[in-house]
Protein backbone atom coordinates (compact mmCIF):
# COMPACT_ATOMS: atom_id res chain seq x y z
CA MET A 1 103.86 93.44 124.41
CA GLN A 2 105.38 93.64 120.95
CA PRO A 3 103.21 95.50 118.43
CA PHE A 4 103.54 92.72 115.84
CA ALA A 5 103.44 89.76 118.21
CA GLU A 6 102.04 86.37 117.24
CA ASN A 7 98.27 86.52 116.59
CA SER A 8 98.29 90.31 116.01
CA ILE A 9 95.87 91.20 113.22
CA VAL A 10 97.71 93.17 110.54
CA LEU A 11 97.46 94.59 107.05
CA VAL A 12 100.47 93.81 104.87
CA THR A 13 101.23 95.68 101.66
CA LEU A 14 103.34 93.68 99.22
CA ASN A 15 105.16 94.58 96.02
CA SER A 16 106.03 92.63 92.85
CA PRO A 17 103.09 92.19 92.34
CA ARG A 18 101.31 94.80 94.41
CA GLU A 19 98.91 93.09 96.84
CA LYS A 20 97.37 93.72 100.23
CA TYR A 21 96.84 90.93 102.69
CA TRP A 22 94.89 90.94 105.97
CA GLY A 23 95.46 88.37 108.66
CA SER A 24 96.91 87.14 111.91
CA VAL A 25 100.67 87.00 112.40
CA ILE A 26 101.99 83.45 112.70
CA ALA A 27 105.66 84.47 112.73
CA ILE A 28 108.04 87.20 111.61
CA SER A 29 111.70 86.54 110.84
CA ALA A 30 114.47 88.04 108.76
CA ALA A 31 113.35 85.72 105.96
CA GLY A 32 109.77 86.98 105.88
CA ILE A 33 106.30 87.05 107.39
CA SER A 34 103.92 84.14 107.89
CA LEU A 35 100.23 84.99 108.17
CA ARG A 36 96.91 83.26 108.40
CA GLY A 37 94.57 85.47 106.42
CA ILE A 38 93.10 86.55 103.12
CA ASP A 39 93.88 88.76 100.16
CA LEU A 40 92.12 92.06 100.84
CA HIS A 41 90.28 91.78 97.50
CA SER A 42 88.55 88.68 98.92
CA PHE A 43 87.35 90.42 102.10
CA ASP A 44 83.68 90.87 101.12
CA ASP A 45 83.40 87.38 99.62
CA PHE A 46 85.02 85.78 102.66
CA ALA A 47 82.73 87.68 105.07
CA ARG A 48 79.69 86.69 103.00
CA GLN A 49 80.72 83.02 103.04
CA VAL A 50 81.22 83.12 106.81
CA LYS A 51 77.81 84.77 107.27
CA ASN A 52 76.22 82.06 105.09
CA GLY A 53 77.78 79.34 107.23
CA ASP A 54 80.10 78.04 104.50
CA GLU A 55 83.11 75.98 105.57
CA VAL A 56 85.82 78.55 104.81
CA GLN A 57 89.16 79.23 106.44
CA PRO A 58 91.84 81.86 105.91
CA ASN A 59 95.00 80.74 104.12
CA SER A 60 98.32 80.20 105.85
CA VAL A 61 100.89 82.02 103.71
CA PHE A 62 104.52 83.11 103.79
CA PHE A 63 105.78 86.30 102.17
CA PRO A 64 109.53 86.76 101.72
CA MET A 65 110.77 89.98 103.30
CA HIS A 66 111.85 91.45 99.94
CA ARG A 67 108.15 91.59 98.94
CA VAL A 68 107.00 93.29 102.14
CA GLU A 69 106.61 97.01 101.60
CA ARG A 70 104.68 97.81 104.76
CA MET A 71 102.88 96.19 107.68
CA GLU A 72 100.44 97.92 110.02
CA LEU A 73 98.27 96.84 112.91
CA ASP A 74 94.58 96.55 112.11
CA VAL A 75 93.18 99.08 114.56
CA ARG A 76 90.44 101.70 114.52
CA ASN A 77 91.58 105.15 113.37
CA GLY A 78 89.20 107.69 114.89
CA GLU A 79 85.83 107.13 113.23
CA ILE A 80 87.29 104.70 110.67
CA PRO A 81 86.63 101.14 111.86
CA SER A 82 89.31 98.45 111.73
CA MET A 83 88.97 95.59 109.26
CA GLN A 84 88.18 93.35 112.25
CA GLU A 85 85.26 95.59 113.19
CA ARG A 86 84.03 95.65 109.59
CA PHE A 87 84.27 91.85 109.42
CA ALA A 88 82.26 91.43 112.65
CA THR A 89 79.62 93.87 111.40
CA LYS A 90 79.29 92.06 108.05
CA CYS A 91 79.08 88.49 109.31
CA GLY A 92 78.50 88.59 113.07
CA LYS A 93 81.67 86.69 113.96
CA GLU A 94 85.11 87.69 115.14
CA PHE A 95 87.97 87.20 112.67
CA SER A 96 90.17 85.87 115.50
CA GLU A 97 87.91 82.76 115.59
CA PHE A 98 89.12 81.92 112.09
CA ALA A 99 92.68 83.19 112.25
CA ALA A 100 93.96 81.40 115.35
CA SER A 101 97.18 79.69 114.35
């Protein structure tokens, strides 16, 4: 299995302007990366809205490759939980339920 296959949950660091995005891979090409996710600054608000039962969905976005500085899989690192684990703890639902493309 490819590490960044479709539906993999990733963190993407972007430049110009500097942003971090968390979401599920829709597609990766030489042109850029398509994700279904949220800006990392919105994480707590999004989790709170999900917990409250609000009708919210992650955004489908495309980032041109020249903006992509780094992409990493969202996985646990020792005692540090993944964003997916944090999301499930905060709202009681799996992010993959919302990010399926």
